[in-house]
Amino acid sequence: MQTILGASGQIGRELAVALKHLNRDQLRLVSRNPRKVHADDQLHRADLLDAQQTLDAVAGSHTVYLTAGLPMDTQRWVAQWPLLMHNVIEACATHRTRLVFFDNTYMYPQTSTPQTEDTAFEPYGEKGRVRAKIAMQLLDAMHAGRIEALICRAPEFYGPGLTQSITNSTIIDPLKAGKSAKVFLRDDTLRSLIYTPDASRAMAQLGNTDDAYGQTWHLPCHDTRLTYRQLIELAASIFDMPVRYQVVKRWQLKLAGIFNRQIRDAAELLPRYEVDNLFVSDKFKQRFPDFRITSLREGLNAIYAEHISAGSETQ
């Protein structure tokens, strides 16, 4: 039995597809309102903030994948992420279950220095400090021998379906709708982006590789990086529309944050958009040389094809 905690999100659903393709294990999909991806999936309702529900959700699993997310609300992150991680670690330790944690890069320095698995944590803002704290919770449990686990870390992502990311919400989704895209602060810094199906396939690969445990892994993305200006130009050519976008300045975001809590809560992430983001995934590429990474053109073509298909079905 392989179990996905947070199975209703885009990463969780794509992970279910990847795991089914990789092996024939029974899948248990866990969330507050889980939905089947395959006919034989086992569904389990649970709130991971509840210790007993988390314990019950993990029971009988040999590998658990933590892909859960929380809304972009700083207060909720501070209050709930450490508790959620504690509950998952305790459940996996109790049931002697391996854990694969899907992590982000918020704890890294928001600079142009290339990011590797050995990059020291230098979080900026409350969200970064929370992400550093929960990563250390897991690393401490791993080093103490309480749990067998690995960390999969991904940069900014983009993808199909209901992918929730800044790149999707401010660039890809508006362009699909024929509207103008928005870029935070600068359009000329290089961005490391990972395609969500690639992230899920790589996580499934790592979770089913025994010698991958006890380590942190950067999930694979192309070394060829584009600026947001170049990404918008590429997307516009694929979506068959004019290149239209606005660079939103810091003062505009600060003003908008007065009236919009989501924008205010995202403010601490802004420094990363002022510099090149150089996420290095050489370790994964060397360990899994046959893993095929989706190019930005291929990813955007797939996203647009899905958009056109969805539009024709509603007509």
C-alpha atoms as a PDB file:
ATOM      1  CA  MET A   1       0.000   0.000   0.000  1.00  0.00           C
ATOM      2  CA  GLN A   2       1.290   3.449  -0.975  1.00  0.00           C
ATOM      3  CA  THR A   3      -0.538   6.419   0.521  1.00  0.00           C
ATOM      4  CA  ILE A   4      -0.755  10.032  -0.642  1.00  0.00           C
ATOM      5  CA  LEU A   5      -1.503  12.589   2.078  1.00  0.00           C
ATOM      6  CA  GLY A   6      -2.993  15.631   0.388  1.00  0.00           C
ATOM      7  CA  ALA A   7      -4.178  13.683  -2.625  1.00  0.00           C
ATOM      8  CA  SER A   8      -6.731  16.210  -3.882  1.00  0.00           C
ATOM      9  CA  GLY A   9      -4.196  18.794  -5.071  1.00  0.00           C
ATOM     10  CA  GLN A  10      -2.665  18.815  -8.539  1.00  0.00           C
ATOM     11  CA  ILE A  11       0.631  17.305  -7.372  1.00  0.00           C
ATOM     12  CA  GLY A  12      -1.175  14.580  -5.415  1.00  0.00           C
ATOM     13  CA  ARG A  13      -3.415  13.582  -8.320  1.00  0.00           C
ATOM     14  CA  GLU A  14      -0.527  13.515 -10.788  1.00  0.00           C
ATOM     15  CA  LEU A  15       1.497  11.500  -8.267  1.00  0.00           C
ATOM     16  CA  ALA A  16      -1.294   8.914  -8.159  1.00  0.00           C
ATOM     17  CA  VAL A  17      -1.044   8.554 -11.934  1.00  0.00           C
ATOM     18  CA  ALA A  18       2.754   8.255 -11.784  1.00  0.00           C
ATOM     19  CA  LEU A  19       2.696   5.653  -9.004  1.00  0.00           C
ATOM     20  CA  LYS A  20       0.128   3.528 -10.812  1.00  0.00           C
ATOM     21  CA  HIS A  21       2.233   3.640 -13.949  1.00  0.00           C
ATOM     22  CA  LEU A  22       5.382   2.723 -12.013  1.00  0.00           C
ATOM     23  CA  ASN A  23       4.045  -0.249 -10.035  1.00  0.00           C
ATOM     24  CA  ARG A  24       0.921  -2.193  -9.196  1.00  0.00           C
ATOM     25  CA  ASP A  25       0.649  -1.299  -5.512  1.00  0.00           C
ATOM     26  CA  GLN A  26      -2.724  -0.401  -4.049  1.00  0.00           C
ATOM     27  CA  LEU A  27      -3.074   3.362  -3.647  1.00  0.00           C
ATOM     28  CA  ARG A  28      -4.750   5.096  -0.721  1.00  0.00           C
ATOM     29  CA  LEU A  29      -5.731   8.704  -1.408  1.00  0.00           C
ATOM     30  CA  VAL A  30      -6.091  10.817   1.713  1.00  0.00           C
ATOM     31  CA  SER A  31      -7.557  14.300   2.058  1.00  0.00           C
ATOM     32  CA  ARG A  32     -10.584  15.948   3.595  1.00  0.00           C
ATOM     33  CA  ASN A  33     -12.544  15.200   0.415  1.00  0.00           C
ATOM     34  CA  PRO A  34     -10.622  12.588  -1.609  1.00  0.00           C
ATOM     35  CA  ARG A  35     -11.625  11.600  -5.124  1.00  0.00           C
ATOM     36  CA  LYS A  36     -10.573   8.535  -7.064  1.00  0.00           C
ATOM     37  CA  VAL A  37      -8.001   8.801  -9.841  1.00  0.00           C
ATOM     38  CA  HIS A  38      -8.248   5.065 -10.667  1.00  0.00           C
ATOM     39  CA  ALA A  39     -11.193   2.738 -10.188  1.00  0.00           C
ATOM     40  CA  ASP A  40      -9.404   0.667  -7.536  1.00  0.00           C
ATOM     41  CA  ASP A  41      -8.045   3.560  -5.464  1.00  0.00           C
ATOM     42  CA  GLN A  42      -8.831   3.400  -1.755  1.00  0.00           C
ATOM     43  CA  LEU A  43     -10.254   6.678  -0.412  1.00  0.00           C
ATOM     44  CA  HIS A  44      -9.697   7.845   3.157  1.00  0.00           C
ATOM     45  CA  ARG A  45     -11.012  11.077   4.670  1.00  0.00           C
ATOM     46  CA  ALA A  46      -8.704  12.693   7.222  1.00  0.00           C
ATOM     47  CA  ASP A  47      -7.669  16.020   8.672  1.00  0.00           C
ATOM     48  CA  LEU A  48      -3.878  15.905   9.074  1.00  0.00           C
ATOM     49  CA  LEU A  49      -4.115  18.450  11.890  1.00  0.00           C
ATOM     50  CA  ASP A  50      -5.736  15.684  13.953  1.00  0.00           C
ATOM     51  CA  ALA A  51      -3.164  13.214  15.326  1.00  0.00           C
ATOM     52  CA  GLN A  52      -5.494  10.202  15.512  1.00  0.00           C
ATOM     53  CA  GLN A  53      -6.907  10.757  12.030  1.00  0.00           C
ATOM     54  CA  THR A  54      -3.371  11.001  10.659  1.00  0.00           C
ATOM     55  CA  LEU A  55      -2.373   7.808  12.493  1.00  0.00           C
ATOM     56  CA  ASP A  56      -5.357   5.987  11.014  1.00  0.00           C
ATOM     57  CA  ALA A  57      -4.648   7.350   7.510  1.00  0.00           C
ATOM     58  CA  VAL A  58      -1.093   5.986   7.526  1.00  0.00           C
ATOM     59  CA  ALA A  59      -1.883   2.537   9.004  1.00  0.00           C
ATOM     60  CA  GLY A  60      -1.046  -0.348   6.680  1.00  0.00           C
ATOM     61  CA  SER A  61       1.118   1.728   4.315  1.00  0.00           C
ATOM     62  CA  HIS A  62       4.709   0.914   3.444  1.00  0.00           C
ATOM     63  CA  THR A  63       5.334   4.321   1.814  1.00  0.00           C
ATOM     64  CA  VAL A  64       3.601   7.648   2.452  1.00  0.00           C
ATOM     65  CA  TYR A  65       3.866  10.773   0.291  1.00  0.00           C
ATOM     66  CA  LEU A  66       3.173  14.124   1.949  1.00  0.00           C
ATOM     67  CA  THR A  67       1.967  16.516  -0.759  1.00  0.00           C
ATOM     68  CA  ALA A  68      -0.522  18.482   1.337  1.00  0.00           C
ATOM     69  CA  GLY A  69      -0.652  22.259   1.129  1.00  0.00           C
ATOM     70  CA  LEU A  70      -2.170  25.117   3.072  1.00  0.00           C
ATOM     71  CA  PRO A  71      -3.728  28.343   1.759  1.00  0.00           C
ATOM     72  CA  MET A  72      -1.339  31.279   1.313  1.00  0.00           C
ATOM     73  CA  ASP A  73      -2.125  32.589   4.805  1.00  0.00           C
ATOM     74  CA  THR A  74       0.871  33.375   6.994  1.00  0.00           C
ATOM     75  CA  GLN A  75      -0.935  32.965  10.319  1.00  0.00           C
ATOM     76  CA  ARG A  76      -2.265  29.539   9.319  1.00  0.00           C
ATOM     77  CA  TRP A  77       1.172  28.452   8.147  1.00  0.00           C
ATOM     78  CA  VAL A  78       2.765  29.433  11.468  1.00  0.00           C
ATOM     79  CA  ALA A  79       0.051  27.720  13.515  1.00  0.00           C
ATOM     80  CA  GLN A  80      -0.629  24.619  11.417  1.00  0.00           C
ATOM     81  CA  TRP A  81       2.420  23.490   9.438  1.00  0.00           C
ATOM     82  CA  PRO A  82       4.547  22.389  12.453  1.00  0.00           C
ATOM     83  CA  LEU A  83       1.566  20.515  13.912  1.00  0.00           C
ATOM     84  CA  LEU A  84       0.792  18.823  10.597  1.00  0.00           C
ATOM     85  CA  MET A  85       4.418  17.741  10.164  1.00  0.00           C
ATOM     86  CA  HIS A  86       4.567  16.485  13.760  1.00  0.00           C
ATOM     87  CA  ASN A  87       1.445  14.368  13.245  1.00  0.00           C
ATOM     88  CA  VAL A  88       2.774  12.852  10.009  1.00  0.00           C
ATOM     89  CA  ILE A  89       6.196  12.060  11.491  1.00  0.00           C
ATOM     90  CA  GLU A  90       4.635  10.433  14.557  1.00  0.00           C
ATOM     91  CA  ALA A  91       2.221   8.388  12.434  1.00  0.00           C
ATOM     92  CA  CYS A  92       4.996   7.147  10.140  1.00  0.00           C
ATOM     93  CA  ALA A  93       7.293   6.385  13.083  1.00  0.00           C
ATOM     94  CA  THR A  94       4.520   4.451  14.851  1.00  0.00           C
ATOM     95  CA  HIS A  95       3.651   2.362  11.790  1.00  0.00           C
ATOM     96  CA  ARG A  96       7.276   2.069  10.569  1.00  0.00           C
ATOM     97  CA  THR A  97       6.268   3.660   7.294  1.00  0.00           C
ATOM     98  CA  ARG A  98       8.641   5.385   4.882  1.00  0.00           C
ATOM     99  CA  LEU A  99       7.907   9.063   4.196  1.00  0.00           C
ATOM    100  CA  VAL A 100       8.468  11.114   1.031  1.00  0.00           C
ATOM    101  CA  PHE A 101       7.996  14.846   1.637  1.00  0.00           C
ATOM    102  CA  PHE A 102       7.254  17.272  -1.217  1.00  0.00           C
ATOM    103  CA  ASP A 103       8.970  20.518  -0.213  1.00  0.00           C
ATOM    104  CA  ASN A 104       9.579  23.968  -1.704  1.00  0.00           C
ATOM    105  CA  THR A 105      12.507  26.439  -1.651  1.00  0.00           C
ATOM    106  CA  TYR A 106      11.128  29.138   0.641  1.00  0.00           C
ATOM    107  CA  MET A 107      13.837  28.444   3.237  1.00  0.00           C
ATOM    108  CA  TYR A 108      16.671  29.161   0.808  1.00  0.00           C
ATOM    109  CA  PRO A 109      18.348  32.589   0.476  1.00  0.00           C
ATOM    110  CA  GLN A 110      16.419  34.742  -1.989  1.00  0.00           C
ATOM    111  CA  THR A 111      19.519  35.499  -4.037  1.00  0.00           C
ATOM    112  CA  SER A 112      20.948  34.604  -7.450  1.00  0.00           C
ATOM    113  CA  THR A 113      23.367  32.060  -5.951  1.00  0.00           C
ATOM    114  CA  PRO A 114      22.750  28.606  -7.498  1.00  0.00           C
ATOM    115  CA  GLN A 115      20.650  26.425  -5.177  1.00  0.00           C
ATOM    116  CA  THR A 116      21.748  22.832  -4.522  1.00  0.00           C
ATOM    117  CA  GLU A 117      20.736  20.249  -1.942  1.00  0.00           C
ATOM    118  CA  ASP A 118      23.570  21.567   0.255  1.00  0.00           C
ATOM    119  CA  THR A 119      22.354  25.184   0.238  1.00  0.00           C
ATOM    120  CA  ALA A 120      22.115  26.451   3.822  1.00  0.00           C
ATOM    121  CA  PHE A 121      18.741  27.633   5.082  1.00  0.00           C
ATOM    122  CA  GLU A 122      18.505  31.440   5.265  1.00  0.00           C
ATOM    123  CA  PRO A 123      14.754  32.081   5.319  1.00  0.00           C
ATOM    124  CA  TYR A 124      13.300  35.502   4.658  1.00  0.00           C
ATOM    125  CA  GLY A 125       9.935  36.199   6.288  1.00  0.00           C
ATOM    126  CA  GLU A 126       7.528  34.054   8.298  1.00  0.00           C
ATOM    127  CA  LYS A 127       6.694  31.612   5.513  1.00  0.00           C
ATOM    128  CA  GLY A 128      10.348  30.904   4.892  1.00  0.00           C
ATOM    129  CA  ARG A 129      10.975  30.378   8.595  1.00  0.00           C
ATOM    130  CA  VAL A 130       8.035  27.960   8.855  1.00  0.00           C
ATOM    131  CA  ARG A 131       9.257  25.951   5.879  1.00  0.00           C
ATOM    132  CA  ALA A 132      12.754  25.795   7.393  1.00  0.00           C
ATOM    133  CA  LYS A 133      11.270  24.687  10.711  1.00  0.00           C
ATOM    134  CA  ILE A 134       9.234  21.796   9.298  1.00  0.00           C
ATOM    135  CA  ALA A 135      12.117  20.645   7.098  1.00  0.00           C
ATOM    136  CA  MET A 136      14.316  20.559  10.201  1.00  0.00           C
ATOM    137  CA  GLN A 137      11.609  18.648  12.100  1.00  0.00           C
ATOM    138  CA  LEU A 138      11.821  15.922   9.500  1.00  0.00           C
ATOM    139  CA  LEU A 139      15.622  16.005   9.178  1.00  0.00           C
ATOM    140  CA  ASP A 140      15.985  15.727  12.959  1.00  0.00           C
ATOM    141  CA  ALA A 141      13.671  12.688  13.016  1.00  0.00           C
ATOM    142  CA  MET A 142      15.637  11.127  10.148  1.00  0.00           C
ATOM    143  CA  HIS A 143      19.011  11.733  11.806  1.00  0.00           C
ATOM    144  CA  ALA A 144      17.701  10.312  15.108  1.00  0.00           C
ATOM    145  CA  GLY A 145      16.706   7.118  13.302  1.00  0.00           C
ATOM    146  CA  ARG A 146      13.024   7.535  14.187  1.00  0.00           C
ATOM    147  CA  ILE A 147      11.860   7.522  10.593  1.00  0.00           C
ATOM    148  CA  GLU A 148      13.074   6.524   7.126  1.00  0.00           C
ATOM    149  CA  ALA A 149      12.348   9.433   4.836  1.00  0.00           C
ATOM    150  CA  LEU A 150      13.485  11.591   1.947  1.00  0.00           C
ATOM    151  CA  ILE A 151      12.815  15.193   0.950  1.00  0.00           C
ATOM    152  CA  CYS A 152      11.889  16.174  -2.618  1.00  0.00           C
ATOM    153  CA  ARG A 153      12.367  19.890  -3.197  1.00  0.00           C
ATOM    154  CA  ALA A 154      10.883  21.772  -6.156  1.00  0.00           C
ATOM    155  CA  PRO A 155      11.259  25.338  -7.426  1.00  0.00           C
ATOM    156  CA  GLU A 156       8.367  27.452  -8.756  1.00  0.00           C
ATOM    157  CA  PHE A 157       6.083  25.191 -10.747  1.00  0.00           C
ATOM    158  CA  TYR A 158       3.671  25.445 -13.648  1.00  0.00           C
ATOM    159  CA  GLY A 159       1.347  22.880 -15.107  1.00  0.00           C
ATOM    160  CA  PRO A 160      -2.051  21.719 -16.333  1.00  0.00           C
ATOM    161  CA  GLY A 161      -5.338  21.238 -14.524  1.00  0.00           C
ATOM    162  CA  LEU A 162      -5.799  23.153 -11.302  1.00  0.00           C
ATOM    163  CA  THR A 163      -2.104  23.832 -10.720  1.00  0.00           C
ATOM    164  CA  GLN A 164      -1.808  26.584  -8.109  1.00  0.00           C
ATOM    165  CA  SER A 165       1.332  28.656  -8.536  1.00  0.00           C
ATOM    166  CA  ILE A 166       2.264  32.264  -9.112  1.00  0.00           C
ATOM    167  CA  THR A 167       3.345  31.443 -12.675  1.00  0.00           C
ATOM    168  CA  ASN A 168      -0.004  29.807 -13.452  1.00  0.00           C
ATOM    169  CA  SER A 169      -2.182  32.413 -11.759  1.00  0.00           C
ATOM    170  CA  THR A 170      -0.420  35.555 -13.013  1.00  0.00           C
ATOM    171  CA  ILE A 171       0.875  34.453 -16.422  1.00  0.00           C
ATOM    172  CA  ILE A 172      -0.464  31.205 -17.878  1.00  0.00           C
ATOM    173  CA  ASP A 173      -4.104  31.422 -16.778  1.00  0.00           C
ATOM    174  CA  PRO A 174      -4.596  35.053 -17.932  1.00  0.00           C
ATOM    175  CA  LEU A 175      -2.946  34.332 -21.286  1.00  0.00           C
ATOM    176  CA  LYS A 176      -5.188  31.282 -21.820  1.00  0.00           C
ATOM    177  CA  ALA A 177      -8.162  33.569 -21.187  1.00  0.00           C
ATOM    178  CA  GLY A 178      -6.914  36.142 -23.708  1.00  0.00           C
ATOM    179  CA  LYS A 179      -5.980  38.632 -21.000  1.00  0.00           C
ATOM    180  CA  SER A 180      -2.785  40.458 -20.096  1.00  0.00           C
ATOM    181  CA  ALA A 181      -0.271  38.654 -17.908  1.00  0.00           C
ATOM    182  CA  LYS A 182       1.295  40.192 -14.797  1.00  0.00           C
ATOM    183  CA  VAL A 183       4.933  39.911 -13.756  1.00  0.00           C
ATOM    184  CA  PHE A 184       6.202  40.790 -10.285  1.00  0.00           C
ATOM    185  CA  LEU A 185       8.943  43.458 -10.127  1.00  0.00           C
ATOM    186  CA  ARG A 186      11.081  42.482 -13.158  1.00  0.00           C
ATOM    187  CA  ASP A 187      10.679  40.642 -16.455  1.00  0.00           C
ATOM    188  CA  ASP A 188      14.381  40.062 -17.149  1.00  0.00           C
ATOM    189  CA  THR A 189      15.471  37.653 -14.380  1.00  0.00           C
ATOM    190  CA  LEU A 190      15.949  33.976 -15.177  1.00  0.00           C
ATOM    191  CA  ARG A 191      13.359  31.644 -13.657  1.00  0.00           C
ATOM    192  CA  SER A 192      13.738  27.951 -12.764  1.00  0.00           C
ATOM    193  CA  LEU A 193      10.389  26.269 -13.406  1.00  0.00           C
ATOM    194  CA  ILE A 194       9.306  22.654 -13.035  1.00  0.00           C
ATOM    195  CA  TYR A 195       6.364  21.051 -14.847  1.00  0.00           C
ATOM    196  CA  THR A 196       4.019  19.498 -12.272  1.00  0.00           C
ATOM    197  CA  PRO A 197       3.740  16.085 -14.003  1.00  0.00           C
ATOM    198  CA  ASP A 198       7.559  15.934 -14.030  1.00  0.00           C
ATOM    199  CA  ALA A 199       7.670  16.735 -10.319  1.00  0.00           C
ATOM    200  CA  SER A 200       5.185  13.956  -9.564  1.00  0.00           C
ATOM    201  CA  ARG A 201       6.922  11.393 -11.789  1.00  0.00           C
ATOM    202  CA  ALA A 202      10.271  12.179 -10.170  1.00  0.00           C
ATOM    203  CA  MET A 203       8.788  11.916  -6.687  1.00  0.00           C
ATOM    204  CA  ALA A 204       7.297   8.511  -7.527  1.00  0.00           C
ATOM    205  CA  GLN A 205      10.679   7.399  -8.840  1.00  0.00           C
ATOM    206  CA  LEU A 206      12.473   8.489  -5.673  1.00  0.00           C
ATOM    207  CA  GLY A 207       9.850   6.977  -3.374  1.00  0.00           C
ATOM    208  CA  ASN A 208      10.370   3.589  -5.009  1.00  0.00           C
ATOM    209  CA  THR A 209      14.183   3.720  -4.945  1.00  0.00           C
ATOM    210  CA  ASP A 210      15.549   2.271  -1.711  1.00  0.00           C
ATOM    211  CA  ASP A 211      18.911   4.052  -1.774  1.00  0.00           C
ATOM    212  CA  ALA A 212      17.254   7.452  -2.259  1.00  0.00           C
ATOM    213  CA  TYR A 213      16.109   7.542   1.369  1.00  0.00           C
ATOM    214  CA  GLY A 214      17.948   9.506   4.034  1.00  0.00           C
ATOM    215  CA  GLN A 215      18.636  12.319   1.556  1.00  0.00           C
ATOM    216  CA  THR A 216      17.302  15.571   0.108  1.00  0.00           C
ATOM    217  CA  TRP A 217      16.714  15.651  -3.652  1.00  0.00           C
ATOM    218  CA  HIS A 218      16.094  18.555  -5.999  1.00  0.00           C
ATOM    219  CA  LEU A 219      13.439  17.502  -8.475  1.00  0.00           C
ATOM    220  CA  PRO A 220      14.480  17.770 -12.134  1.00  0.00           C
ATOM    221  CA  CYS A 221      13.969  20.821 -14.325  1.00  0.00           C
ATOM    222  CA  HIS A 222      15.697  22.065 -17.465  1.00  0.00           C
ATOM    223  CA  ASP A 223      19.008  23.889 -17.200  1.00  0.00           C
ATOM    224  CA  THR A 224      17.772  26.163 -19.996  1.00  0.00           C
ATOM    225  CA  ARG A 225      16.006  28.909 -18.092  1.00  0.00           C
ATOM    226  CA  LEU A 226      13.872  31.709 -19.512  1.00  0.00           C
ATOM    227  CA  THR A 227      13.008  35.123 -18.192  1.00  0.00           C
ATOM    228  CA  TYR A 228       9.322  35.813 -17.643  1.00  0.00           C
ATOM    229  CA  ARG A 229       9.422  38.048 -20.712  1.00  0.00           C
ATOM    230  CA  GLN A 230      10.706  35.127 -22.789  1.00  0.00           C
ATOM    231  CA  LEU A 231       8.183  32.759 -21.185  1.00  0.00           C
ATOM    232  CA  ILE A 232       5.318  35.107 -22.064  1.00  0.00           C
ATOM    233  CA  GLU A 233       6.571  35.456 -25.631  1.00  0.00           C
ATOM    234  CA  LEU A 234       6.733  31.664 -25.953  1.00  0.00           C
ATOM    235  CA  ALA A 235       3.300  31.162 -24.396  1.00  0.00           C
ATOM    236  CA  ALA A 236       1.747  33.869 -26.564  1.00  0.00           C
ATOM    237  CA  SER A 237       3.079  32.209 -29.720  1.00  0.00           C
ATOM    238  CA  ILE A 238       1.654  28.840 -28.632  1.00  0.00           C
ATOM    239  CA  PHE A 239      -1.665  30.318 -27.474  1.00  0.00           C
ATOM    240  CA  ASP A 240      -1.870  32.342 -30.729  1.00  0.00           C
ATOM    241  CA  MET A 241      -2.302  35.721 -29.082  1.00  0.00           C
ATOM    242  CA  PRO A 242      -0.404  39.027 -28.835  1.00  0.00           C
ATOM    243  CA  VAL A 243       2.345  39.459 -26.245  1.00  0.00           C
ATOM    244  CA  ARG A 244       0.590  41.396 -23.496  1.00  0.00           C
ATOM    245  CA  TYR A 245       1.845  41.814 -19.959  1.00  0.00           C
ATOM    246  CA  GLN A 246       2.393  44.328 -17.189  1.00  0.00           C
ATOM    247  CA  VAL A 247       5.335  44.499 -14.807  1.00  0.00           C
ATOM    248  CA  VAL A 248       3.827  45.165 -11.386  1.00  0.00           C
ATOM    249  CA  LYS A 249       6.098  47.358  -9.267  1.00  0.00           C
ATOM    250  CA  ARG A 250       6.715  46.953  -5.562  1.00  0.00           C
ATOM    251  CA  TRP A 251       4.743  50.089  -4.637  1.00  0.00           C
ATOM    252  CA  GLN A 252       1.745  48.788  -6.616  1.00  0.00           C
ATOM    253  CA  LEU A 253       1.854  45.468  -4.791  1.00  0.00           C
ATOM    254  CA  LYS A 254       2.184  47.216  -1.459  1.00  0.00           C
ATOM    255  CA  LEU A 255      -0.858  49.359  -2.251  1.00  0.00           C
ATOM    256  CA  ALA A 256      -2.860  46.344  -3.428  1.00  0.00           C
ATOM    257  CA  GLY A 257      -1.883  44.484  -0.254  1.00  0.00           C
ATOM    258  CA  ILE A 258      -3.744  47.044   1.839  1.00  0.00           C
ATOM    259  CA  PHE A 259      -7.001  45.746   0.354  1.00  0.00           C
ATOM    260  CA  ASN A 260      -6.064  42.145  -0.497  1.00  0.00           C
ATOM    261  CA  ARG A 261      -4.768  39.808   2.194  1.00  0.00           C
ATOM    262  CA  GLN A 262      -3.495  37.226  -0.305  1.00  0.00           C
ATOM    263  CA  ILE A 263      -1.259  39.793  -1.963  1.00  0.00           C
ATOM    264  CA  ARG A 264      -0.116  41.021   1.452  1.00  0.00           C
ATOM    265  CA  ASP A 265       0.734  37.483   2.531  1.00  0.00           C
ATOM    266  CA  ALA A 266       2.733  36.915  -0.667  1.00  0.00           C
ATOM    267  CA  ALA A 267       4.830  40.073  -0.173  1.00  0.00           C
ATOM    268  CA  GLU A 268       7.689  38.276   1.601  1.00  0.00           C
ATOM    269  CA  LEU A 269       8.266  36.147  -1.518  1.00  0.00           C
ATOM    270  CA  LEU A 270       8.946  39.175  -3.725  1.00  0.00           C
ATOM    271  CA  PRO A 271      12.759  39.378  -3.341  1.00  0.00           C
ATOM    272  CA  ARG A 272      13.082  36.113  -5.293  1.00  0.00           C
ATOM    273  CA  TYR A 273      11.629  37.849  -8.376  1.00  0.00           C
ATOM    274  CA  GLU A 274      14.249  40.604  -8.341  1.00  0.00           C
ATOM    275  CA  VAL A 275      17.134  38.178  -9.016  1.00  0.00           C
ATOM    276  CA  ASP A 276      17.853  35.124 -11.146  1.00  0.00           C
ATOM    277  CA  ASN A 277      16.501  31.900  -9.645  1.00  0.00           C
ATOM    278  CA  LEU A 278      19.028  29.142 -10.358  1.00  0.00           C
ATOM    279  CA  PHE A 279      17.725  25.826  -9.030  1.00  0.00           C
ATOM    280  CA  VAL A 280      20.211  23.002  -9.675  1.00  0.00           C
ATOM    281  CA  SER A 281      18.975  19.417 -10.053  1.00  0.00           C
ATOM    282  CA  ASP A 282      22.181  17.718 -11.212  1.00  0.00           C
ATOM    283  CA  LYS A 283      22.074  15.140  -8.407  1.00  0.00           C
ATOM    284  CA  PHE A 284      18.774  13.694  -9.650  1.00  0.00           C
ATOM    285  CA  LYS A 285      19.842  13.802 -13.301  1.00  0.00           C
ATOM    286  CA  GLN A 286      23.021  11.887 -12.552  1.00  0.00           C
ATOM    287  CA  ARG A 287      21.181   9.249 -10.477  1.00  0.00           C
ATOM    288  CA  PHE A 288      18.347   8.855 -13.025  1.00  0.00           C
ATOM    289  CA  PRO A 289      19.900   9.664 -16.422  1.00  0.00           C
ATOM    290  CA  ASP A 290      16.955   8.168 -18.347  1.00  0.00           C
ATOM    291  CA  PHE A 291      14.370  10.467 -16.757  1.00  0.00           C
ATOM    292  CA  ARG A 292      12.919  12.656 -19.519  1.00  0.00           C
ATOM    293  CA  ILE A 293      12.307  16.280 -18.559  1.00  0.00           C
ATOM    294  CA  THR A 294       9.464  18.118 -20.296  1.00  0.00           C
ATOM    295  CA  SER A 295      10.595  21.264 -22.124  1.00  0.00           C
ATOM    296  CA  LEU A 296       8.771  24.544 -21.534  1.00  0.00           C
ATOM    297  CA  ARG A 297       7.462  24.439 -25.095  1.00  0.00           C
ATOM    298  CA  GLU A 298       6.124  20.909 -24.598  1.00  0.00           C
ATOM    299  CA  GLY A 299       4.576  21.831 -21.254  1.00  0.00           C
ATOM    300  CA  LEU A 300       2.879  24.955 -22.585  1.00  0.00           C
ATOM    301  CA  ASN A 301       1.607  23.046 -25.622  1.00  0.00           C
ATOM    302  CA  ALA A 302       0.060  20.421 -23.327  1.00  0.00           C
ATOM    303  CA  ILE A 303      -1.532  23.104 -21.142  1.00  0.00           C
ATOM    304  CA  TYR A 304      -3.017  24.851 -24.177  1.00  0.00           C
ATOM    305  CA  ALA A 305      -4.276  21.574 -25.676  1.00  0.00           C
ATOM    306  CA  GLU A 306      -6.040  20.808 -22.387  1.00  0.00           C
ATOM    307  CA  HIS A 307      -7.548  24.330 -22.411  1.00  0.00           C
ATOM    308  CA  ILE A 308      -8.855  23.921 -25.971  1.00  0.00           C
ATOM    309  CA  SER A 309     -10.253  20.472 -25.167  1.00  0.00           C
ATOM    310  CA  ALA A 310     -12.040  21.774 -22.071  1.00  0.00           C
ATOM    311  CA  GLY A 311     -13.500  24.643 -24.091  1.00  0.00           C
ATOM    312  CA  SER A 312     -14.885  22.338 -26.781  1.00  0.00           C
ATOM    313  CA  GLU A 313     -16.499  20.084 -24.174  1.00  0.00           C
ATOM    314  CA  THR A 314     -18.434  23.008 -22.654  1.00  0.00           C
ATOM    315  CA  GLN A 315     -19.850  24.148 -26.006  1.00  0.00           C
END
